[in-house]
Amino acid sequence: MAEGNQTQVIEFMLLGFSWGKPFLFLVFLAIYLATLLGNSAILALSSLNPRLHSPMYFFLNHLSCLDICYSSVTMPKILVNVLRPQATISYHGCLAQMFFLMGCAGAECALLAVMAYDRYAAICHPLHYAHVMRWGVRMVAATGCWLWGLLDSAVHTFLASKLSFCGATQLQHIFCDVPPLLRIACSNTHPSEVVLHAASIFVGLSPFLFVVISYLRILATVLRMPMAVSRRKALSTCTAHLLVVALYFGMANLNYNRPSSGYSPEANTLVSVLYCIITPMLNPLIYSLRNQEVRGTLRKVLQGQYTGLPGR
């Protein structure tokens, strides 16, 4: 129960589990296991191969950690609720889930922008790359990404904790997020809506524009390279990141910036599933399938040929 007279709601009913529960459990379990295994594999392979200790893989490791956290915020509760006759989440559990979910979302937006800058520095300023992306800079950048996301989520969660629900307890969703909560609140939601749209600009759009600018400059540099082989090699290191950026920011925009007049609970749930559940599973697949170093290390591990020692 929330403090004061803001709300008497103790728990919310989640109405996104309306069909095929045994099938949904198997699907979500498979997705969650694939997410954990895929991202854990990236972390393990990066620690084994000294050639994967570059700044690019440093940030990729943080992305894998984020994706594990991202998925773990929602998936265990989803799996439990799928098996229950009535899917529920407590009021405080809902706020906690929303806090960590949006914290991971904001941190990932910032991290994708930092990864774009890393590729820009590597391709456009290769002679200065080691100095520009030295260890101290990487640590500050990674820490800043995590703090950026947590600060953003703290504001959203604080505003959500002040909402009144007048006995409304039914969320048309499978986990707690800001838009579904705002739709059932009976108090003034204008501050939360303003902050949500402002965050879409500063936390979502600004990193996306930074990524676009970075890759436009990368493209200009690549086109000036004299050899086609050099151009292909430079572009191949960016393709995986561009795929992740397009998928993540595209789904985020659909999730938080859809017009109210076109709101559909089913469509919103589907978009949120793609954004918060499917994307963390796809990221390691995209990077591993596009990266020869990762594929080579994995192949050696599976064949029992890799010891993780330099020179092997």
Protein backbone atom coordinates (compact mmCIF):
# COMPACT_ATOMS: atom_id res chain seq x y z
CA MET A 1 0.00 0.00 0.00
CA ALA A 2 1.33 3.42 -0.86
CA GLU A 3 1.83 6.03 1.76
CA GLY A 4 -0.75 8.71 2.49
CA ASN A 5 -3.95 8.93 0.50
CA GLN A 6 -2.40 8.57 -2.96
CA THR A 7 -3.75 5.07 -3.58
CA GLN A 8 -5.18 2.05 -1.79
CA VAL A 9 -3.98 -0.35 -4.50
CA ILE A 10 -1.99 -3.25 -3.05
CA GLU A 11 -1.46 -5.15 -6.29
CA PHE A 12 -2.18 -4.92 -10.00
CA MET A 13 -3.73 -7.57 -12.21
CA LEU A 14 -1.86 -8.06 -15.47
CA LEU A 15 -4.25 -8.80 -18.32
CA GLY A 16 -1.71 -9.53 -21.03
CA PHE A 17 -1.85 -13.29 -20.39
CA SER A 18 -5.21 -14.05 -21.94
CA TRP A 19 -4.41 -17.05 -24.14
CA GLY A 20 -2.17 -20.09 -24.62
CA LYS A 21 -0.50 -20.02 -21.21
CA PRO A 22 1.40 -23.37 -21.47
CA PHE A 23 2.63 -22.34 -24.91
CA LEU A 24 3.58 -18.86 -23.69
CA PHE A 25 5.54 -20.35 -20.78
CA LEU A 26 7.64 -22.48 -23.13
CA VAL A 27 8.21 -19.56 -25.50
CA PHE A 28 9.21 -17.11 -22.78
CA LEU A 29 11.39 -19.70 -21.05
CA ALA A 30 13.22 -20.42 -24.31
CA ILE A 31 13.71 -16.69 -24.94
CA TYR A 32 15.02 -16.08 -21.42
CA LEU A 33 17.44 -19.01 -21.53
CA ALA A 34 18.67 -17.92 -24.97
CA THR A 35 19.20 -14.38 -23.64
CA LEU A 36 21.17 -15.58 -20.62
CA LEU A 37 23.25 -18.07 -22.60
CA GLY A 38 23.95 -15.73 -25.51
CA ASN A 39 25.00 -12.74 -23.45
CA SER A 40 26.93 -14.87 -20.96
CA ALA A 41 28.77 -16.44 -23.90
CA ILE A 42 29.82 -12.97 -25.11
CA LEU A 43 31.19 -12.18 -21.64
CA ALA A 44 33.00 -15.53 -21.38
CA LEU A 45 34.52 -15.40 -24.87
CA SER A 46 35.72 -11.83 -24.33
CA SER A 47 37.52 -12.87 -21.16
CA LEU A 48 39.14 -15.89 -22.84
CA ASN A 49 40.60 -14.24 -25.93
CA PRO A 50 43.10 -11.40 -25.32
CA ARG A 51 42.28 -10.09 -28.81
CA LEU A 52 38.78 -9.35 -27.52
CA HIS A 53 40.04 -6.96 -24.83
CA SER A 54 39.78 -3.90 -27.08
CA PRO A 55 37.55 -0.91 -26.24
CA MET A 56 34.87 -2.16 -28.65
CA TYR A 57 34.51 -5.43 -26.71
CA PHE A 58 34.70 -3.59 -23.39
CA PHE A 59 31.51 -1.77 -24.31
CA LEU A 60 30.02 -4.92 -25.84
CA ASN A 61 30.52 -6.63 -22.47
CA HIS A 62 28.61 -3.83 -20.78
CA LEU A 63 25.85 -4.21 -23.37
CA SER A 64 25.67 -7.93 -22.59
CA CYS A 65 25.45 -7.19 -18.85
CA LEU A 66 22.70 -4.68 -19.54
CA ASP A 67 20.76 -7.17 -21.64
CA ILE A 68 20.99 -9.81 -18.91
CA CYS A 69 19.70 -7.28 -16.36
CA TYR A 70 17.08 -5.99 -18.80
CA SER A 71 15.63 -9.43 -19.37
CA SER A 72 15.91 -10.51 -15.73
CA VAL A 73 13.85 -7.51 -14.58
CA THR A 74 10.75 -8.84 -16.33
CA MET A 75 11.16 -12.46 -17.38
CA PRO A 76 11.18 -14.31 -14.02
CA LYS A 77 7.94 -12.58 -12.96
CA ILE A 78 6.42 -13.21 -16.38
CA LEU A 79 7.24 -16.93 -16.15
CA VAL A 80 5.65 -17.14 -12.69
CA ASN A 81 2.55 -15.26 -13.80
CA VAL A 82 2.05 -17.40 -16.88
CA LEU A 83 1.60 -20.43 -14.61
CA ARG A 84 -0.81 -18.69 -12.22
CA PRO A 85 -4.61 -18.54 -12.67
CA GLN A 86 -4.44 -14.75 -12.22
CA ALA A 87 -1.34 -12.81 -13.16
CA THR A 88 -0.56 -10.16 -10.53
CA ILE A 89 2.24 -7.95 -9.29
CA SER A 90 2.36 -6.02 -6.02
CA TYR A 91 2.23 -2.22 -6.01
CA HIS A 92 5.79 -1.87 -4.72
CA GLY A 93 6.95 -4.71 -6.97
CA CYS A 94 5.47 -2.83 -9.91
CA LEU A 95 7.37 0.34 -9.04
CA ALA A 96 10.59 -1.60 -8.53
CA GLN A 97 10.19 -3.40 -11.84
CA MET A 98 9.52 -0.12 -13.62
CA PHE A 99 12.56 1.52 -11.99
CA PHE A 100 15.02 -1.16 -13.10
CA LEU A 101 13.37 -1.59 -16.50
CA MET A 102 13.63 2.08 -17.40
CA GLY A 103 17.08 2.29 -15.83
CA CYS A 104 18.33 -0.42 -18.17
CA ALA A 105 16.54 1.20 -21.11
CA GLY A 106 18.14 4.60 -20.52
CA ALA A 107 21.57 3.09 -19.92
CA GLU A 108 21.36 1.11 -23.16
CA CYS A 109 20.47 4.22 -25.16
CA ALA A 110 23.54 5.99 -23.81
CA LEU A 111 25.75 2.94 -24.27
CA LEU A 112 24.78 2.55 -27.93
CA ALA A 113 25.80 6.19 -28.46
CA VAL A 114 29.16 5.56 -26.74
CA MET A 115 29.70 2.49 -28.93
CA ALA A 116 29.04 4.62 -32.00
CA TYR A 117 31.69 7.10 -30.84
CA ASP A 118 34.09 4.21 -30.29
CA ARG A 119 33.64 3.14 -33.94
CA TYR A 120 34.04 6.77 -35.06
CA ALA A 121 37.32 7.12 -33.15
CA ALA A 122 38.63 3.78 -34.45
CA ILE A 123 37.87 4.49 -38.12
CA CYS A 124 38.22 8.26 -38.40
CA HIS A 125 41.15 8.76 -36.00
CA PRO A 126 42.97 5.39 -35.86
CA LEU A 127 46.34 6.90 -34.81
CA HIS A 128 44.78 8.50 -31.73
CA TYR A 129 42.31 5.70 -30.99
CA ALA A 130 44.29 4.03 -28.20
CA HIS A 131 44.65 7.36 -26.37
CA VAL A 132 41.08 8.57 -26.99
CA MET A 133 39.56 5.32 -25.75
CA ARG A 134 42.07 4.59 -22.99
CA TRP A 135 41.00 2.64 -19.90
CA GLY A 136 40.08 5.64 -17.75
CA VAL A 137 37.90 7.13 -20.48
CA ARG A 138 36.13 3.82 -21.00
CA MET A 139 35.40 3.44 -17.30
CA VAL A 140 34.02 6.98 -17.03
CA ALA A 141 31.88 6.47 -20.15
CA ALA A 142 30.48 3.11 -18.97
CA THR A 143 29.76 4.40 -15.46
CA GLY A 144 28.09 7.48 -16.92
CA CYS A 145 25.80 5.30 -19.04
CA TRP A 146 24.61 3.33 -16.01
CA LEU A 147 24.09 6.47 -13.91
CA TRP A 148 22.30 8.19 -16.82
CA GLY A 149 19.75 5.38 -16.99
CA LEU A 150 19.24 5.14 -13.23
CA LEU A 151 18.72 8.89 -12.88
CA ASP A 152 16.11 8.87 -15.64
CA SER A 153 14.27 5.92 -14.11
CA ALA A 154 14.35 7.48 -10.65
CA VAL A 155 12.42 10.50 -11.94
CA HIS A 156 9.79 8.35 -13.67
CA THR A 157 9.38 6.08 -10.66
CA PHE A 158 9.05 8.99 -8.24
CA LEU A 159 6.28 10.55 -10.34
CA ALA A 160 4.54 7.19 -10.71
CA SER A 161 4.58 6.72 -6.93
CA LYS A 162 2.53 9.92 -6.57
CA LEU A 163 -0.29 8.72 -8.86
CA SER A 164 -3.72 7.74 -7.52
CA PHE A 165 -5.57 4.80 -9.03
CA CYS A 166 -9.01 5.01 -7.35
CA GLY A 167 -9.26 1.27 -7.03
CA ALA A 168 -8.23 0.56 -10.64
CA THR A 169 -6.01 -2.49 -10.58
CA GLN A 170 -6.07 -3.90 -14.12
CA LEU A 171 -3.04 -3.28 -16.33
CA GLN A 172 -3.38 -4.20 -19.99
CA HIS A 173 0.16 -5.51 -20.07
CA ILE A 174 2.43 -8.38 -19.01
CA PHE A 175 4.77 -6.23 -16.89
CA CYS A 176 4.84 -2.77 -15.32
CA ASP A 177 5.75 0.17 -17.52
CA VAL A 178 4.94 3.88 -17.48
CA PRO A 179 2.34 4.10 -20.31
CA PRO A 180 0.02 1.36 -18.94
CA LEU A 181 0.15 2.89 -15.44
CA LEU A 182 -0.71 6.35 -16.75
CA ARG A 183 -3.76 4.95 -18.54
CA ILE A 184 -5.41 3.65 -15.37
CA ALA A 185 -4.43 6.52 -13.04
CA CYS A 186 -7.29 8.77 -11.89
CA SER A 187 -5.04 11.64 -10.71
CA ASN A 188 -3.30 14.24 -12.83
CA THR A 189 -0.87 12.44 -15.15
CA HIS A 190 0.33 15.55 -16.97
CA PRO A 191 3.69 15.81 -15.09
CA SER A 192 4.46 12.17 -15.86
CA GLU A 193 3.47 12.58 -19.50
CA VAL A 194 5.64 15.68 -19.88
CA VAL A 195 8.62 13.93 -18.30
CA LEU A 196 8.03 10.85 -20.46
CA HIS A 197 8.09 12.91 -23.66
CA ALA A 198 11.08 14.94 -22.43
CA ALA A 199 12.93 11.71 -21.65
CA SER A 200 12.10 10.45 -25.15
CA ILE A 201 13.99 13.47 -26.49
CA PHE A 202 16.94 13.65 -24.10
CA VAL A 203 17.36 9.97 -23.23
CA GLY A 204 16.17 8.44 -26.50
CA LEU A 205 16.36 10.88 -29.40
CA SER A 206 19.61 12.63 -28.41
CA PRO A 207 21.69 9.41 -28.32
CA PHE A 208 20.07 8.31 -31.58
CA LEU A 209 21.02 11.57 -33.30
CA PHE A 210 24.54 11.21 -31.90
CA VAL A 211 24.72 7.73 -33.44
CA VAL A 212 23.48 9.04 -36.80
CA ILE A 213 26.02 11.88 -36.83
CA SER A 214 28.84 9.51 -35.86
CA TYR A 215 28.01 7.11 -38.67
CA LEU A 216 27.64 9.86 -41.24
CA ARG A 217 31.18 10.93 -40.41
CA ILE A 218 32.30 7.29 -40.51
CA LEU A 219 30.69 6.88 -43.94
CA ALA A 220 32.43 10.01 -45.23
CA THR A 221 35.78 8.66 -44.02
CA VAL A 222 35.18 5.19 -45.46
CA LEU A 223 34.27 6.57 -48.88
CA ARG A 224 37.62 8.36 -48.98
CA MET A 225 39.58 5.15 -48.35
CA PRO A 226 41.60 4.20 -51.44
CA MET A 227 41.14 0.42 -51.29
CA ALA A 228 37.86 -1.48 -51.53
CA VAL A 229 39.15 -4.07 -49.04
CA SER A 230 39.74 -1.37 -46.44
CA ARG A 231 36.27 0.02 -47.00
CA ARG A 232 34.65 -3.39 -46.59
CA LYS A 233 36.63 -4.10 -43.42
CA ALA A 234 35.70 -0.75 -41.89
CA LEU A 235 32.02 -1.13 -42.73
CA SER A 236 31.89 -4.73 -41.48
CA THR A 237 32.86 -3.57 -37.96
CA CYS A 238 29.88 -1.16 -37.96
CA THR A 239 27.12 -3.28 -39.47
CA ALA A 240 26.29 -5.25 -36.32
CA HIS A 241 26.10 -2.10 -34.22
CA LEU A 242 23.84 -0.41 -36.78
CA LEU A 243 21.48 -3.39 -36.76
CA VAL A 244 21.23 -3.24 -32.94
CA VAL A 245 20.70 0.55 -33.01
CA ALA A 246 17.96 0.34 -35.64
CA LEU A 247 16.14 -2.45 -33.80
CA TYR A 248 16.43 -0.93 -30.34
CA PHE A 249 15.61 2.70 -31.08
CA GLY A 250 12.86 1.71 -33.51
CA MET A 251 11.10 -0.42 -30.89
CA ALA A 252 11.68 2.19 -28.18
CA ASN A 253 10.06 4.88 -30.31
CA LEU A 254 7.02 2.68 -30.95
CA ASN A 255 6.77 1.81 -27.26
CA TYR A 256 6.90 5.31 -25.77
CA ASN A 257 5.85 7.68 -28.56
CA ARG A 258 2.77 6.06 -30.05
CA PRO A 259 -0.24 8.39 -30.45
CA SER A 260 -2.98 7.91 -27.87
CA SER A 261 -5.69 7.81 -30.54
CA GLY A 262 -4.14 4.72 -32.05
CA TYR A 263 -3.59 2.93 -28.76
CA SER A 264 -4.26 -0.79 -28.76
CA PRO A 265 -3.46 -2.85 -25.62
CA GLU A 266 -2.58 -5.90 -27.71
CA ALA A 267 -0.35 -3.93 -30.07
CA ASN A 268 1.33 -2.13 -27.16
CA THR A 269 2.04 -5.44 -25.43
CA LEU A 270 3.53 -6.86 -28.63
CA VAL A 271 5.78 -3.83 -29.13
CA SER A 272 6.91 -3.97 -25.50
CA VAL A 273 7.74 -7.67 -25.84
CA LEU A 274 9.84 -6.94 -28.93
CA TYR A 275 11.51 -3.99 -27.21
CA CYS A 276 12.20 -5.40 -23.75
CA ILE A 277 12.35 -9.17 -24.29
CA ILE A 278 13.29 -10.04 -27.87
CA THR A 279 15.98 -7.37 -28.38
CA PRO A 280 18.21 -8.56 -25.47
CA MET A 281 18.09 -12.05 -26.99
CA LEU A 282 19.00 -10.87 -30.50
CA ASN A 283 21.93 -8.62 -29.58
CA PRO A 284 24.50 -11.41 -28.94
CA LEU A 285 23.29 -13.26 -32.05
CA ILE A 286 23.76 -10.17 -34.20
CA TYR A 287 27.24 -9.48 -32.85
CA SER A 288 28.43 -13.10 -32.92
CA LEU A 289 27.14 -13.78 -36.42
CA ARG A 290 28.74 -10.61 -37.81
CA ASN A 291 32.05 -10.81 -35.95
CA GLN A 292 34.82 -13.13 -37.10
CA GLU A 293 36.81 -12.83 -33.86
CA VAL A 294 33.84 -13.89 -31.74
CA ARG A 295 32.94 -16.73 -34.11
CA GLY A 296 36.53 -17.93 -34.22
CA THR A 297 36.89 -17.93 -30.44
CA LEU A 298 33.58 -19.78 -30.03
CA ARG A 299 34.61 -22.37 -32.61
CA LYS A 300 37.90 -23.02 -30.80
CA VAL A 301 36.13 -23.34 -27.46
CA LEU A 302 33.61 -25.82 -28.86
CA GLN A 303 36.43 -27.83 -30.44
CA GLY A 304 38.41 -27.83 -27.18
CA GLN A 305 41.32 -26.04 -28.84
CA TYR A 306 41.24 -22.76 -26.96
CA THR A 307 43.00 -22.26 -23.64
CA GLY A 308 42.67 -18.49 -23.43
CA LEU A 309 46.43 -18.04 -23.29
CA PRO A 310 48.12 -15.43 -25.49
CA GLY A 311 49.64 -16.78 -28.61
CA ARG A 312 47.21 -19.66 -29.03
